[in-house]
Structures are given as C-alpha cells and as structure tokens.
Amino acid sequence: MIGKEIRLERIMHRGTGKAVIVPMDHGVSSGPIEGIVNIRDAMSQVADGGANAVVVHKGVVAKGHRKSGPDMGLIVHLSGSTSLALDPNAKTLVCSVEEAIKMGADAVSVHVNIGNGHDNEMLTDLGRVAYSAEEWGMPLLAMIYPRGENVKNEYDAQAVKHAARLGAELGADVVKVSYTGSVESFREVVNGCHVPVIIAGGAKMGSDREILTMVRGAMDAGAAGTSIGRNVFQHENPSKIVSALSAIVHGNVSVDEAMAVLTSGEPWQSDGNSAPMLEAAA
C-alpha cells in the first residue's frame, strides 16, 4: 500500500531502512519526569540530534512536535496506563488511528504486556488497531513485553522472541522489544520475526558506554534500530546521545567511534537518501 510505504519512509531512514526513535509518552505513565518537563524543549533536542521519529500522546502533538526544529517523524501512541493504577501493566486504548491521522501522524503505536491477567484485552485492542491501521495505510509499531505474574524473566530470549513474533502475527509493521543481553540470543528474536525489530532502552543505565554497547549488540544481531526513552531524554546532552546512536544504527560504527561522537563537536549527519557520513559541523 503506497500510503503506508510513504509514511514508513518518514520514520525509517531511506538509506539504511533503520530508525532511531525516541519515545516520550512517559508523561501518561509517570507524570512530568526529568527530561520531559518541558516537552517542546525535549523534542527540539532530540530533533537536533537527528532522531528519525518520536513517540508521543495525542495531547502533546500540537504543543511540541511541529515546533521542535528539524523535521522528524511523528508516531502517536494509542494506549496507556499510569503508575498509580492497581495494575500499571494493564494498558488501555486512549486514542484511535483516525485521531492520529487528523494530527498528521506518520505511524501509530500500541503497548501490549503479556503474561498477566489482562492479555486478552490488550491483544483485542492490538487486533482492532491493526485492522484500522491497515485500512488507512498507517504503519503500526507494537511495543510488546513479557511482563506479569506469569513471567519469571522479561529479558529471557524465549519470552522476548515470542513477544516479537506475536506482534508480527497480529499485524504490526515494526515491533519493539527488550534486548535479551547478547548478540546470539537477540539474533534468535530477529530471525523469528518477519517484520523489523527495534529495541527498547529500559531503565536508566549507568553509563553511555553501556547504552551504546547494548545498541551495537542489537544491530549486530540484525535489529532495525532503537526506541530509547529515558536513556536519551534524561541524558545530560540528549542531542549528542541521539547522534551517537545514529552513528551506530545508520553508520555501523563501533562503540568507541560512537563514544567519540559524544565527546567531539562533530554531529552525526545524513542527507536522508544514502548511507550517512560523519561530517564536521557546519
């Protein structure tokens, strides 16, 4: 479907077919946490760093996305829950594909947690959104995690590759899952999923090298990019960490080379049509 292809090009780099996405939907689940208190400024910083797209809720679009500086893709998140709920893992739909279209979205996303008592409701929601998204030619990103009483380890490769395949089987165009900790185990996740797989950032990490090493491992395993939130927008310099991530995802550089991006005045740049190069700042 040509409409879906056009929209996917706005969130996936034309030259590499990969993406550096920054989710900023945390205000619904956690409130105005550090890094996204001023959502317009937060989006401006990641746009300056070269992010391909952001994930936000519908009420934020007019306040920040189209006023954030350099153009980047818009993914409107359709589901949510709060940390104050009896079960924060139980997500519910709070927006529709049609609403997202009216806002100019390039894609929509849905969050599903499996392994708890609310799987059936969330899977029903995913199925309905997948149908509507296909009808409108709207790309669908499914964020799927094994989380709940029936899950012993949410990073277990067997559970994560089940989650990834589940999203693909139910109609997602891209799936977002947790990194399993090694190239070998995450390669199983990628090989078992017939749509692009991107990795989540998870909890705030202890160092930049730890973040970049995780991303390097995921890319070596065949991942299609990243969707990292707290480790980007709570970074001391969100623009630079996005540039470093882009260097790995789009430029296939080493961790050491990506670390150099963080410490140099040379941002990662790409023309959007071919494999990017590291160029001196203008």
Protein backbone atom coordinates (compact mmCIF):
# COMPACT_ATOMS: atom_id res chain seq x y z
CA MET A 1 0.00 0.00 0.00
CA ILE A 2 1.61 3.23 -1.21
CA GLY A 3 0.35 5.36 1.71
CA LYS A 4 1.94 3.06 4.25
CA GLU A 5 5.21 2.99 2.33
CA ILE A 6 5.34 6.79 2.19
CA ARG A 7 4.68 7.09 5.91
CA LEU A 8 7.26 4.44 6.79
CA GLU A 9 9.87 6.47 4.90
CA ARG A 10 9.26 9.30 7.37
CA ILE A 11 10.24 7.17 10.35
CA MET A 12 12.78 4.78 8.80
CA HIS A 13 15.96 6.19 7.24
CA ARG A 14 15.74 5.97 3.44
CA GLY A 15 19.33 4.90 3.01
CA THR A 16 19.55 2.28 5.76
CA GLY A 17 15.94 1.26 6.34
CA LYS A 18 16.59 1.64 10.06
CA ALA A 19 15.40 4.09 12.71
CA VAL A 20 16.43 5.97 15.83
CA ILE A 21 13.13 6.63 17.60
CA VAL A 22 12.73 8.45 20.91
CA PRO A 23 9.60 7.59 22.91
CA MET A 24 8.33 10.46 25.05
CA ASP A 25 5.00 9.02 26.12
CA HIS A 26 6.12 8.70 29.75
CA GLY A 27 4.04 11.65 30.96
CA VAL A 28 0.93 9.46 30.99
CA SER A 29 2.52 6.63 32.94
CA SER A 30 4.82 8.62 35.23
CA GLY A 31 3.94 12.32 35.01
CA PRO A 32 6.34 15.18 34.18
CA ILE A 33 9.53 13.29 34.97
CA GLU A 34 13.03 14.67 34.50
CA GLY A 35 13.83 15.33 30.85
CA ILE A 36 10.27 15.84 29.61
CA VAL A 37 9.02 18.54 31.98
CA ASN A 38 9.28 20.90 29.01
CA ILE A 39 8.17 18.58 26.22
CA ARG A 40 8.78 21.12 23.47
CA ASP A 41 12.39 21.58 24.53
CA ALA A 42 12.85 17.82 24.89
CA MET A 43 11.63 17.17 21.36
CA SER A 44 13.73 20.01 19.99
CA GLN A 45 16.88 18.49 21.47
CA VAL A 46 16.35 15.02 20.01
CA ALA A 47 15.37 16.55 16.66
CA ASP A 48 18.65 18.48 16.65
CA GLY A 49 20.48 15.22 17.32
CA GLY A 50 18.97 13.61 14.23
CA ALA A 51 16.23 11.40 15.67
CA ASN A 52 14.13 9.80 12.94
CA ALA A 53 10.91 9.97 14.96
CA VAL A 54 9.36 10.50 18.38
CA VAL A 55 6.50 8.66 20.10
CA VAL A 56 4.08 10.94 21.94
CA HIS A 57 0.47 11.00 23.10
CA LYS A 58 -2.14 12.99 21.22
CA GLY A 59 -2.26 15.95 23.61
CA VAL A 60 1.42 16.68 23.06
CA VAL A 61 1.49 16.89 19.26
CA ALA A 62 0.33 20.48 18.94
CA LYS A 63 2.49 21.59 21.87
CA GLY A 64 5.79 20.35 20.62
CA HIS A 65 6.27 18.12 17.60
CA ARG A 66 5.73 20.53 14.72
CA LYS A 67 7.63 23.24 16.59
CA SER A 68 10.64 21.17 17.54
CA GLY A 69 13.17 22.30 14.93
CA PRO A 70 14.46 19.86 12.28
CA ASP A 71 11.76 17.66 10.81
CA MET A 72 11.31 14.18 12.24
CA GLY A 73 8.61 11.53 12.07
CA LEU A 74 5.59 11.57 14.34
CA ILE A 75 4.32 8.38 15.97
CA VAL A 76 1.15 8.86 18.02
CA HIS A 77 0.83 6.41 20.91
CA LEU A 78 -2.65 4.94 21.23
CA SER A 79 -2.53 3.17 24.59
CA GLY A 80 -1.66 3.98 28.16
CA SER A 81 -1.82 3.31 31.88
CA THR A 82 -0.50 5.06 34.97
CA SER A 83 1.96 4.09 37.68
CA LEU A 84 -0.81 4.83 40.21
CA ALA A 85 -3.09 2.08 38.88
CA LEU A 86 -3.64 -1.20 40.72
CA ASP A 87 -2.01 -2.88 37.72
CA PRO A 88 0.20 -0.48 35.73
CA ASN A 89 0.84 -3.27 33.21
CA ALA A 90 -2.78 -3.22 32.05
CA LYS A 91 -2.82 -0.88 29.05
CA THR A 92 -5.99 0.55 27.52
CA LEU A 93 -6.67 2.43 24.29
CA VAL A 94 -6.80 6.21 24.74
CA CYS A 95 -6.64 7.29 21.09
CA SER A 96 -7.66 5.96 17.68
CA VAL A 97 -6.00 5.62 14.30
CA GLU A 98 -8.45 8.16 12.90
CA GLU A 99 -7.50 10.73 15.54
CA ALA A 100 -3.83 10.15 14.77
CA ILE A 101 -4.45 10.71 11.06
CA LYS A 102 -6.08 14.07 11.81
CA MET A 103 -2.95 15.09 13.72
CA GLY A 104 -0.67 14.28 10.80
CA ALA A 105 0.84 11.11 12.29
CA ASP A 106 3.33 9.10 10.27
CA ALA A 107 2.64 5.98 12.35
CA VAL A 108 0.78 4.80 15.44
CA SER A 109 1.92 2.60 18.32
CA VAL A 110 0.30 0.28 20.82
CA HIS A 111 1.77 -1.13 24.05
CA VAL A 112 0.97 -4.73 24.98
CA ASN A 113 2.20 -6.61 28.06
CA ILE A 114 1.82 -10.38 28.01
CA GLY A 115 1.92 -12.76 30.93
CA ASN A 116 -0.61 -11.03 33.16
CA GLY A 117 -4.36 -11.23 33.64
CA HIS A 118 -5.09 -8.56 31.04
CA ASP A 119 -3.56 -10.17 27.96
CA ASN A 120 -6.92 -10.76 26.33
CA GLU A 121 -7.99 -7.11 26.48
CA MET A 122 -4.65 -5.81 25.19
CA LEU A 123 -4.49 -8.36 22.38
CA THR A 124 -8.04 -7.45 21.40
CA ASP A 125 -7.00 -3.81 21.26
CA LEU A 126 -3.93 -4.65 19.17
CA GLY A 127 -6.04 -6.64 16.72
CA ARG A 128 -8.55 -3.82 16.31
CA VAL A 129 -5.85 -1.19 15.84
CA ALA A 130 -4.03 -3.40 13.31
CA TYR A 131 -7.21 -3.69 11.26
CA SER A 132 -7.89 0.04 11.32
CA ALA A 133 -4.25 0.91 10.59
CA GLU A 134 -4.23 -1.38 7.57
CA GLU A 135 -7.47 0.16 6.30
CA TRP A 136 -5.91 3.64 6.42
CA GLY A 137 -2.42 2.69 5.26
CA MET A 138 -0.99 3.70 8.63
CA PRO A 139 2.20 1.95 9.88
CA LEU A 140 1.79 0.24 13.25
CA LEU A 141 4.52 -0.08 15.86
CA ALA A 142 3.75 -2.71 18.50
CA MET A 143 5.64 -2.42 21.79
CA ILE A 144 5.37 -5.88 23.33
CA TYR A 145 6.89 -7.04 26.59
CA PRO A 146 6.59 -10.22 28.68
CA ARG A 147 5.52 -8.61 31.98
CA GLY A 148 3.30 -10.02 34.67
CA GLU A 149 2.82 -12.71 37.26
CA ASN A 150 3.42 -15.48 34.72
CA VAL A 151 6.80 -14.09 33.61
CA LYS A 152 9.92 -15.02 35.55
CA ASN A 153 12.37 -13.02 33.43
CA GLU A 154 11.16 -10.42 30.94
CA TYR A 155 14.54 -10.48 29.16
CA ASP A 156 14.53 -14.24 28.56
CA ALA A 157 15.12 -14.90 24.86
CA GLN A 158 12.29 -17.42 24.60
CA ALA A 159 9.80 -14.95 26.05
CA VAL A 160 11.08 -11.98 24.02
CA LYS A 161 11.06 -13.83 20.71
CA HIS A 162 7.51 -14.99 21.47
CA ALA A 163 6.55 -11.35 22.09
CA ALA A 164 8.15 -10.17 18.84
CA ARG A 165 6.51 -12.89 16.78
CA LEU A 166 3.17 -12.15 18.43
CA GLY A 167 3.30 -8.54 17.27
CA ALA A 168 4.17 -9.54 13.72
CA GLU A 169 1.49 -12.24 13.61
CA LEU A 170 -1.19 -9.76 14.68
CA GLY A 171 -0.35 -7.18 12.04
CA ALA A 172 2.38 -4.87 13.34
CA ASP A 173 4.73 -3.38 10.75
CA VAL A 174 7.51 -2.88 13.31
CA VAL A 175 7.88 -4.46 16.76
CA LYS A 176 9.70 -3.07 19.77
CA VAL A 177 11.03 -5.47 22.39
CA SER A 178 13.65 -5.57 25.12
CA TYR A 179 17.23 -6.54 24.33
CA THR A 180 18.00 -10.04 25.58
CA GLY A 181 21.57 -9.33 26.66
CA SER A 182 23.66 -10.95 23.92
CA VAL A 183 24.06 -10.89 20.16
CA GLU A 184 23.42 -14.62 19.91
CA SER A 185 20.17 -14.63 21.89
CA PHE A 186 18.81 -11.49 20.22
CA ARG A 187 19.57 -12.92 16.79
CA GLU A 188 17.03 -15.62 17.64
CA VAL A 189 14.47 -12.88 18.29
CA VAL A 190 15.17 -11.18 14.96
CA ASN A 191 15.26 -14.43 12.98
CA GLY A 192 11.91 -15.48 14.41
CA CYS A 193 10.14 -12.27 13.40
CA HIS A 194 9.23 -11.39 9.81
CA VAL A 195 8.97 -7.62 10.40
CA PRO A 196 11.66 -5.16 11.56
CA VAL A 197 12.60 -5.42 15.24
CA ILE A 198 13.79 -2.44 17.27
CA ILE A 199 14.99 -2.40 20.87
CA ALA A 200 13.71 -0.59 23.93
CA GLY A 201 16.06 1.28 26.23
CA GLY A 202 14.66 0.04 29.52
CA ALA A 203 15.58 1.58 32.87
CA LYS A 204 18.14 4.39 33.16
CA MET A 205 21.59 2.88 32.60
CA GLY A 206 24.79 3.61 34.45
CA SER A 207 26.95 4.85 31.59
CA ASP A 208 26.95 5.96 27.98
CA ARG A 209 29.16 3.05 27.01
CA GLU A 210 26.64 0.62 28.46
CA ILE A 211 23.87 2.13 26.32
CA LEU A 212 25.96 2.14 23.16
CA THR A 213 27.24 -1.39 23.75
CA MET A 214 23.66 -2.64 24.01
CA VAL A 215 22.73 -0.92 20.76
CA ARG A 216 25.84 -2.22 18.99
CA GLY A 217 24.93 -5.75 20.07
CA ALA A 218 21.35 -5.40 18.88
CA MET A 219 22.46 -4.10 15.49
CA ASP A 220 24.98 -6.93 15.14
CA ALA A 221 22.08 -9.32 15.74
CA GLY A 222 20.06 -7.76 12.92
CA ALA A 223 17.90 -5.19 14.70
CA ALA A 224 16.32 -2.39 12.68
CA GLY A 225 17.09 0.33 15.18
CA THR A 226 16.25 1.71 18.60
CA SER A 227 13.37 3.19 20.55
CA ILE A 228 15.11 4.51 23.66
CA GLY A 229 13.43 6.97 26.01
CA ARG A 230 14.86 7.71 29.47
CA ASN A 231 18.43 7.00 28.42
CA VAL A 232 18.03 9.71 25.80
CA PHE A 233 15.80 12.46 27.18
CA GLN A 234 17.33 12.19 30.68
CA HIS A 235 20.85 12.28 29.27
CA GLU A 236 22.96 15.33 30.11
CA ASN A 237 23.07 16.07 26.38
CA PRO A 238 20.14 14.42 24.54
CA SER A 239 21.25 15.74 21.14
CA LYS A 240 24.68 14.14 21.41
CA ILE A 241 23.46 10.75 22.60
CA VAL A 242 20.99 10.69 19.70
CA SER A 243 23.88 11.49 17.33
CA ALA A 244 25.91 8.66 18.85
CA LEU A 245 23.01 6.23 18.49
CA SER A 246 22.55 7.32 14.89
CA ALA A 247 26.23 6.69 14.21
CA ILE A 248 25.78 3.05 15.24
CA VAL A 249 22.33 2.45 13.74
CA HIS A 250 22.87 4.22 10.42
CA GLY A 251 26.63 4.28 10.09
CA ASN A 252 27.54 0.88 11.54
CA VAL A 253 30.35 2.39 13.62
CA SER A 254 31.96 0.78 16.66
CA VAL A 255 31.19 1.64 20.27
CA ASP A 256 34.47 3.53 20.54
CA GLU A 257 33.65 5.57 17.44
CA ALA A 258 30.18 6.32 18.80
CA MET A 259 31.72 7.41 22.10
CA ALA A 260 33.88 9.83 20.10
CA VAL A 261 30.71 11.42 18.72
CA LEU A 262 29.69 12.22 22.30
CA THR A 263 32.92 14.00 23.07
CA SER A 264 33.55 15.76 19.77
CA GLY A 265 31.96 18.73 18.08
CA GLU A 266 31.15 16.63 15.02
CA PRO A 267 27.49 15.64 14.95
CA TRP A 268 26.30 12.65 13.01
CA GLN A 269 24.73 13.91 9.80
CA SER A 270 22.81 12.28 6.99
CA ASP A 271 21.09 13.57 3.88
CA GLY A 272 18.28 11.05 4.34
CA ASN A 273 18.85 9.37 0.96
CA SER A 274 22.10 7.45 1.28
CA ALA A 275 24.29 5.89 3.92
CA PRO A 276 25.23 8.73 6.30
CA MET A 277 28.73 10.01 6.98
CA LEU A 278 30.30 11.68 9.97
CA GLU A 279 30.89 15.26 8.91
CA ALA A 280 32.25 18.31 10.63
CA ALA A 281 29.64 20.67 11.94
CA ALA A 282 28.82 23.47 9.53
